[in-house]
Amino acid sequence: MIFLAHIIVDDNEILEKAIKRFKRMVEKEGIIREFKKREYYEKPSTILNRKKKAFQRKLMKKSRKGRSEY
């Protein structure tokens, strides 16, 4: 997967401002997150286990939140 994040810098624009704009764009598109996720190979079973655990955490959080409303 190829990510292309680019900005056009005007002649009168401050460089630091353009860099901040670029960083926001990269963060918004999730390029860094995707890179870190793909940095090392992860076995399919490990991915499945991680997703199951995340789902369980989400259910527990939701159930705790629902109980506190009563």
PDB file of N, CA and C in Angstrom:
ATOM      1  N   MET A   1       0.845  -1.167   0.000  1.00  0.00           N
ATOM      2  CA  MET A   1       0.000   0.000   0.000  1.00  0.00           C
ATOM      3  C   MET A   1       0.894   1.234   0.000  1.00  0.00           C
ATOM      4  N   ILE A   2       0.638   2.143  -0.870  1.00  0.00           N
ATOM      5  CA  ILE A   2       1.449   3.347  -0.995  1.00  0.00           C
ATOM      6  C   ILE A   2       0.646   4.537  -0.489  1.00  0.00           C
ATOM      7  N   PHE A   3       1.260   5.304   0.402  1.00  0.00           N
ATOM      8  CA  PHE A   3       0.630   6.507   0.926  1.00  0.00           C
ATOM      9  C   PHE A   3       1.317   7.716   0.316  1.00  0.00           C
ATOM     10  N   LEU A   4       0.527   8.627  -0.147  1.00  0.00           N
ATOM     11  CA  LEU A   4       1.085   9.852  -0.692  1.00  0.00           C
ATOM     12  C   LEU A   4       0.492  11.036   0.059  1.00  0.00           C
ATOM     13  N   ALA A   5       1.257  11.566   0.958  1.00  0.00           N
ATOM     14  CA  ALA A   5       0.852  12.754   1.690  1.00  0.00           C
ATOM     15  C   ALA A   5       1.738  13.887   1.218  1.00  0.00           C
ATOM     16  N   HIS A   6       1.135  14.892   0.671  1.00  0.00           N
ATOM     17  CA  HIS A   6       1.927  16.031   0.223  1.00  0.00           C
ATOM     18  C   HIS A   6       1.145  17.312   0.453  1.00  0.00           C
ATOM     19  N   ILE A   7       1.877  18.384   0.583  1.00  0.00           N
ATOM     20  CA  ILE A   7       1.276  19.701   0.736  1.00  0.00           C
ATOM     21  C   ILE A   7       1.954  20.642  -0.247  1.00  0.00           C
ATOM     22  N   ILE A   8       1.256  21.684  -0.568  1.00  0.00           N
ATOM     23  CA  ILE A   8       1.822  22.711  -1.437  1.00  0.00           C
ATOM     24  C   ILE A   8       2.162  23.913  -0.558  1.00  0.00           C
ATOM     25  N   VAL A   9       3.413  24.311  -0.592  1.00  0.00           N
ATOM     26  CA  VAL A   9       3.888  25.416   0.236  1.00  0.00           C
ATOM     27  C   VAL A   9       3.927  26.679  -0.612  1.00  0.00           C
ATOM     28  N   ASP A  10       3.245  27.704  -0.123  1.00  0.00           N
ATOM     29  CA  ASP A  10       3.259  28.997  -0.811  1.00  0.00           C
ATOM     30  C   ASP A  10       4.595  29.696  -0.569  1.00  0.00           C
ATOM     31  N   ASP A  11       4.915  30.646  -1.434  1.00  0.00           N
ATOM     32  CA  ASP A  11       6.180  31.375  -1.298  1.00  0.00           C
ATOM     33  C   ASP A  11       6.247  32.185  -0.007  1.00  0.00           C
ATOM     34  N   ASN A  12       5.119  32.717   0.422  1.00  0.00           N
ATOM     35  CA  ASN A  12       5.127  33.578   1.608  1.00  0.00           C
ATOM     36  C   ASN A  12       4.736  32.817   2.878  1.00  0.00           C
ATOM     37  N   GLU A  13       4.613  31.490   2.817  1.00  0.00           N
ATOM     38  CA  GLU A  13       4.234  30.702   3.989  1.00  0.00           C
ATOM     39  C   GLU A  13       5.475  30.356   4.816  1.00  0.00           C
ATOM     40  N   ILE A  14       5.320  30.411   6.123  1.00  0.00           N
ATOM     41  CA  ILE A  14       6.405  30.067   7.029  1.00  0.00           C
ATOM     42  C   ILE A  14       6.617  28.555   6.987  1.00  0.00           C
ATOM     43  N   LEU A  15       7.881  28.135   6.944  1.00  0.00           N
ATOM     44  CA  LEU A  15       8.210  26.720   6.816  1.00  0.00           C
ATOM     45  C   LEU A  15       7.696  25.903   7.999  1.00  0.00           C
ATOM     46  N   GLU A  16       7.812  26.433   9.208  1.00  0.00           N
ATOM     47  CA  GLU A  16       7.345  25.706  10.387  1.00  0.00           C
ATOM     48  C   GLU A  16       5.854  25.440  10.321  1.00  0.00           C
ATOM     49  N   LYS A  17       5.107  26.397   9.798  1.00  0.00           N
ATOM     50  CA  LYS A  17       3.664  26.240   9.659  1.00  0.00           C
ATOM     51  C   LYS A  17       3.343  25.140   8.643  1.00  0.00           C
ATOM     52  N   ALA A  18       4.108  25.082   7.558  1.00  0.00           N
ATOM     53  CA  ALA A  18       3.905  24.053   6.543  1.00  0.00           C
ATOM     54  C   ALA A  18       4.239  22.669   7.102  1.00  0.00           C
ATOM     55  N   ILE A  19       5.275  22.589   7.920  1.00  0.00           N
ATOM     56  CA  ILE A  19       5.652  21.320   8.534  1.00  0.00           C
ATOM     57  C   ILE A  19       4.559  20.837   9.480  1.00  0.00           C
ATOM     58  N   LYS A  20       3.998  21.748  10.266  1.00  0.00           N
ATOM     59  CA  LYS A  20       2.906  21.384  11.171  1.00  0.00           C
ATOM     60  C   LYS A  20       1.700  20.891  10.387  1.00  0.00           C
ATOM     61  N   ARG A  21       1.409  21.548   9.278  1.00  0.00           N
ATOM     62  CA  ARG A  21       0.287  21.146   8.436  1.00  0.00           C
ATOM     63  C   ARG A  21       0.522  19.746   7.870  1.00  0.00           C
ATOM     64  N   PHE A  22       1.757  19.476   7.452  1.00  0.00           N
ATOM     65  CA  PHE A  22       2.113  18.168   6.928  1.00  0.00           C
ATOM     66  C   PHE A  22       1.985  17.094   8.006  1.00  0.00           C
ATOM     67  N   LYS A  23       2.468  17.385   9.220  1.00  0.00           N
ATOM     68  CA  LYS A  23       2.379  16.426  10.317  1.00  0.00           C
ATOM     69  C   LYS A  23       0.929  16.092  10.635  1.00  0.00           C
ATOM     70  N   ARG A  24       0.068  17.104  10.650  1.00  0.00           N
ATOM     71  CA  ARG A  24      -1.354  16.862  10.905  1.00  0.00           C
ATOM     72  C   ARG A  24      -1.957  15.971   9.837  1.00  0.00           C
ATOM     73  N   MET A  25      -1.584  16.206   8.567  1.00  0.00           N
ATOM     74  CA  MET A  25      -2.110  15.405   7.475  1.00  0.00           C
ATOM     75  C   MET A  25      -1.657  13.956   7.606  1.00  0.00           C
ATOM     76  N   VAL A  26      -0.389  13.749   7.924  1.00  0.00           N
ATOM     77  CA  VAL A  26       0.142  12.396   8.073  1.00  0.00           C
ATOM     78  C   VAL A  26      -0.551  11.687   9.236  1.00  0.00           C
ATOM     79  N   GLU A  27      -0.757  12.402  10.340  1.00  0.00           N
ATOM     80  CA  GLU A  27      -1.423  11.812  11.494  1.00  0.00           C
ATOM     81  C   GLU A  27      -2.875  11.476  11.171  1.00  0.00           C
ATOM     82  N   LYS A  28      -3.543  12.359  10.478  1.00  0.00           N
ATOM     83  CA  LYS A  28      -4.947  12.153  10.120  1.00  0.00           C
ATOM     84  C   LYS A  28      -5.118  10.947   9.203  1.00  0.00           C
ATOM     85  N   GLU A  29      -4.202  10.759   8.271  1.00  0.00           N
ATOM     86  CA  GLU A  29      -4.276   9.631   7.346  1.00  0.00           C
ATOM     87  C   GLU A  29      -3.792   8.333   7.974  1.00  0.00           C
ATOM     88  N   GLY A  30      -3.159   8.393   9.137  1.00  0.00           N
ATOM     89  CA  GLY A  30      -2.725   7.194   9.850  1.00  0.00           C
ATOM     90  C   GLY A  30      -1.508   6.523   9.245  1.00  0.00           C
ATOM     91  N   ILE A  31      -0.677   7.278   8.581  1.00  0.00           N
ATOM     92  CA  ILE A  31       0.496   6.705   7.909  1.00  0.00           C
ATOM     93  C   ILE A  31       1.495   6.160   8.920  1.00  0.00           C
ATOM     94  N   ILE A  32       1.785   6.911   9.971  1.00  0.00           N
ATOM     95  CA  ILE A  32       2.759   6.479  10.975  1.00  0.00           C
ATOM     96  C   ILE A  32       2.237   5.233  11.697  1.00  0.00           C
ATOM     97  N   ARG A  33       0.961   5.249  12.061  1.00  0.00           N
ATOM     98  CA  ARG A  33       0.368   4.113  12.751  1.00  0.00           C
ATOM     99  C   ARG A  33       0.446   2.848  11.890  1.00  0.00           C
ATOM    100  N   GLU A  34       0.144   3.007  10.611  1.00  0.00           N
ATOM    101  CA  GLU A  34       0.189   1.881   9.680  1.00  0.00           C
ATOM    102  C   GLU A  34       1.623   1.375   9.522  1.00  0.00           C
ATOM    103  N   PHE A  35       2.574   2.278   9.459  1.00  0.00           N
ATOM    104  CA  PHE A  35       3.974   1.880   9.341  1.00  0.00           C
ATOM    105  C   PHE A  35       4.420   1.071  10.549  1.00  0.00           C
ATOM    106  N   LYS A  36       4.083   1.547  11.745  1.00  0.00           N
ATOM    107  CA  LYS A  36       4.479   0.844  12.957  1.00  0.00           C
ATOM    108  C   LYS A  36       3.810  -0.517  13.042  1.00  0.00           C
ATOM    109  N   LYS A  37       2.579  -0.605  12.549  1.00  0.00           N
ATOM    110  CA  LYS A  37       1.871  -1.875  12.571  1.00  0.00           C
ATOM    111  C   LYS A  37       2.522  -2.893  11.633  1.00  0.00           C
ATOM    112  N   ARG A  38       3.041  -2.426  10.521  1.00  0.00           N
ATOM    113  CA  ARG A  38       3.637  -3.314   9.531  1.00  0.00           C
ATOM    114  C   ARG A  38       5.165  -3.428   9.659  1.00  0.00           C
ATOM    115  N   GLU A  39       5.728  -2.822  10.663  1.00  0.00           N
ATOM    116  CA  GLU A  39       7.178  -2.822  10.809  1.00  0.00           C
ATOM    117  C   GLU A  39       7.729  -4.240  10.995  1.00  0.00           C
ATOM    118  N   TYR A  40       7.005  -5.066  11.747  1.00  0.00           N
ATOM    119  CA  TYR A  40       7.415  -6.442  11.980  1.00  0.00           C
ATOM    120  C   TYR A  40       6.301  -7.380  11.550  1.00  0.00           C
ATOM    121  N   TYR A  41       6.679  -8.573  11.121  1.00  0.00           N
ATOM    122  CA  TYR A  41       5.692  -9.566  10.727  1.00  0.00           C
ATOM    123  C   TYR A  41       4.964 -10.075  11.961  1.00  0.00           C
ATOM    124  N   GLU A  42       3.666 -10.215  11.818  1.00  0.00           N
ATOM    125  CA  GLU A  42       2.850 -10.728  12.906  1.00  0.00           C
ATOM    126  C   GLU A  42       2.055 -11.908  12.371  1.00  0.00           C
ATOM    127  N   LYS A  43       2.144 -13.026  13.054  1.00  0.00           N
ATOM    128  CA  LYS A  43       1.450 -14.222  12.606  1.00  0.00           C
ATOM    129  C   LYS A  43      -0.063 -13.983  12.605  1.00  0.00           C
ATOM    130  N   PRO A  44      -0.770 -14.608  11.680  1.00  0.00           N
ATOM    131  CA  PRO A  44      -2.236 -14.446  11.649  1.00  0.00           C
ATOM    132  C   PRO A  44      -2.908 -14.833  12.962  1.00  0.00           C
ATOM    133  N   SER A  45      -2.413 -15.863  13.632  1.00  0.00           N
ATOM    134  CA  SER A  45      -3.010 -16.255  14.915  1.00  0.00           C
ATOM    135  C   SER A  45      -2.804 -15.168  15.968  1.00  0.00           C
ATOM    136  N   THR A  46      -1.666 -14.510  15.932  1.00  0.00           N
ATOM    137  CA  THR A  46      -1.394 -13.424  16.875  1.00  0.00           C
ATOM    138  C   THR A  46      -2.322 -12.240  16.618  1.00  0.00           C
ATOM    139  N   ILE A  47      -2.547 -11.946  15.360  1.00  0.00           N
ATOM    140  CA  ILE A  47      -3.467 -10.862  15.000  1.00  0.00           C
ATOM    141  C   ILE A  47      -4.863 -11.175  15.510  1.00  0.00           C
ATOM    142  N   LEU A  48      -5.303 -12.420  15.299  1.00  0.00           N
ATOM    143  CA  LEU A  48      -6.627 -12.838  15.745  1.00  0.00           C
ATOM    144  C   LEU A  48      -6.747 -12.746  17.259  1.00  0.00           C
ATOM    145  N   ASN A  49      -5.729 -13.206  17.984  1.00  0.00           N
ATOM    146  CA  ASN A  49      -5.752 -13.126  19.450  1.00  0.00           C
ATOM    147  C   ASN A  49      -5.802 -11.676  19.924  1.00  0.00           C
ATOM    148  N   ARG A  50      -5.036 -10.810  19.288  1.00  0.00           N
ATOM    149  CA  ARG A  50      -5.024  -9.400  19.676  1.00  0.00           C
ATOM    150  C   ARG A  50      -6.398  -8.770  19.462  1.00  0.00           C
ATOM    151  N   LYS A  51      -7.029  -9.092  18.338  1.00  0.00           N
ATOM    152  CA  LYS A  51      -8.353  -8.541  18.050  1.00  0.00           C
ATOM    153  C   LYS A  51      -9.401  -9.065  19.029  1.00  0.00           C
ATOM    154  N   LYS A  52      -9.303 -10.351  19.392  1.00  0.00           N
ATOM    155  CA  LYS A  52     -10.245 -10.929  20.362  1.00  0.00           C
ATOM    156  C   LYS A  52     -10.106 -10.251  21.714  1.00  0.00           C
ATOM    157  N   LYS A  53      -8.853 -10.045  22.146  1.00  0.00           N
ATOM    158  CA  LYS A  53      -8.628  -9.396  23.431  1.00  0.00           C
ATOM    159  C   LYS A  53      -9.141  -7.962  23.429  1.00  0.00           C
ATOM    160  N   ALA A  54      -8.942  -7.260  22.326  1.00  0.00           N
ATOM    161  CA  ALA A  54      -9.436  -5.886  22.223  1.00  0.00           C
ATOM    162  C   ALA A  54     -10.954  -5.862  22.286  1.00  0.00           C
ATOM    163  N   PHE A  55     -11.592  -6.826  21.633  1.00  0.00           N
ATOM    164  CA  PHE A  55     -13.048  -6.912  21.653  1.00  0.00           C
ATOM    165  C   PHE A  55     -13.543  -7.200  23.063  1.00  0.00           C
ATOM    166  N   GLN A  56     -12.874  -8.100  23.777  1.00  0.00           N
ATOM    167  CA  GLN A  56     -13.249  -8.410  25.149  1.00  0.00           C
ATOM    168  C   GLN A  56     -13.105  -7.176  26.052  1.00  0.00           C
ATOM    169  N   ARG A  57     -12.012  -6.430  25.876  1.00  0.00           N
ATOM    170  CA  ARG A  57     -11.828  -5.199  26.660  1.00  0.00           C
ATOM    171  C   ARG A  57     -12.948  -4.209  26.380  1.00  0.00           C
ATOM    172  N   LYS A  58     -13.334  -4.120  25.118  1.00  0.00           N
ATOM    173  CA  LYS A  58     -14.408  -3.200  24.734  1.00  0.00           C
ATOM    174  C   LYS A  58     -15.731  -3.611  25.390  1.00  0.00           C
ATOM    175  N   LEU A  59     -16.019  -4.917  25.392  1.00  0.00           N
ATOM    176  CA  LEU A  59     -17.244  -5.398  26.028  1.00  0.00           C
ATOM    177  C   LEU A  59     -17.228  -5.145  27.529  1.00  0.00           C
ATOM    178  N   MET A  60     -16.092  -5.396  28.172  1.00  0.00           N
ATOM    179  CA  MET A  60     -15.990  -5.162  29.611  1.00  0.00           C
ATOM    180  C   MET A  60     -16.195  -3.686  29.943  1.00  0.00           C
ATOM    181  N   LYS A  61     -15.594  -2.820  29.142  1.00  0.00           N
ATOM    182  CA  LYS A  61     -15.736  -1.386  29.372  1.00  0.00           C
ATOM    183  C   LYS A  61     -17.185  -0.959  29.199  1.00  0.00           C
ATOM    184  N   LYS A  62     -17.826  -1.511  28.185  1.00  0.00           N
ATOM    185  CA  LYS A  62     -19.225  -1.169  27.918  1.00  0.00           C
ATOM    186  C   LYS A  62     -20.125  -1.669  29.046  1.00  0.00           C
ATOM    187  N   SER A  63     -19.856  -2.877  29.551  1.00  0.00           N
ATOM    188  CA  SER A  63     -20.682  -3.423  30.627  1.00  0.00           C
ATOM    189  C   SER A  63     -20.472  -2.637  31.926  1.00  0.00           C
ATOM    190  N   ARG A  64     -19.244  -2.211  32.216  1.00  0.00           N
ATOM    191  CA  ARG A  64     -18.993  -1.407  33.401  1.00  0.00           C
ATOM    192  C   ARG A  64     -19.678  -0.063  33.296  1.00  0.00           C
ATOM    193  N   LYS A  65     -19.666   0.501  32.109  1.00  0.00           N
ATOM    194  CA  LYS A  65     -20.293   1.809  31.891  1.00  0.00           C
ATOM    195  C   LYS A  65     -21.809   1.704  32.068  1.00  0.00           C
ATOM    196  N   GLY A  66     -22.387   0.612  31.586  1.00  0.00           N
ATOM    197  CA  GLY A  66     -23.817   0.411  31.684  1.00  0.00           C
ATOM    198  C   GLY A  66     -24.280   0.168  33.110  1.00  0.00           C
ATOM    199  N   ARG A  67     -23.455  -0.540  33.912  1.00  0.00           N
ATOM    200  CA  ARG A  67     -23.807  -0.812  35.304  1.00  0.00           C
ATOM    201  C   ARG A  67     -23.803   0.446  36.142  1.00  0.00           C
ATOM    202  N   SER A  68     -22.933   1.391  35.866  1.00  0.00           N
ATOM    203  CA  SER A  68     -22.819   2.586  36.705  1.00  0.00           C
ATOM    204  C   SER A  68     -23.996   3.536  36.519  1.00  0.00           C
ATOM    205  N   GLU A  69     -24.787   3.336  35.480  1.00  0.00           N
ATOM    206  CA  GLU A  69     -25.922   4.232  35.232  1.00  0.00           C
ATOM    207  C   GLU A  69     -27.105   3.919  36.129  1.00  0.00           C
ATOM    208  N   TYR A  70     -27.182   2.703  36.694  1.00  0.00           N
ATOM    209  CA  TYR A  70     -28.346   2.319  37.512  1.00  0.00           C
ATOM    210  C   TYR A  70     -28.318   2.899  38.862  1.00  0.00           C
TER     211      TYR A  70
END
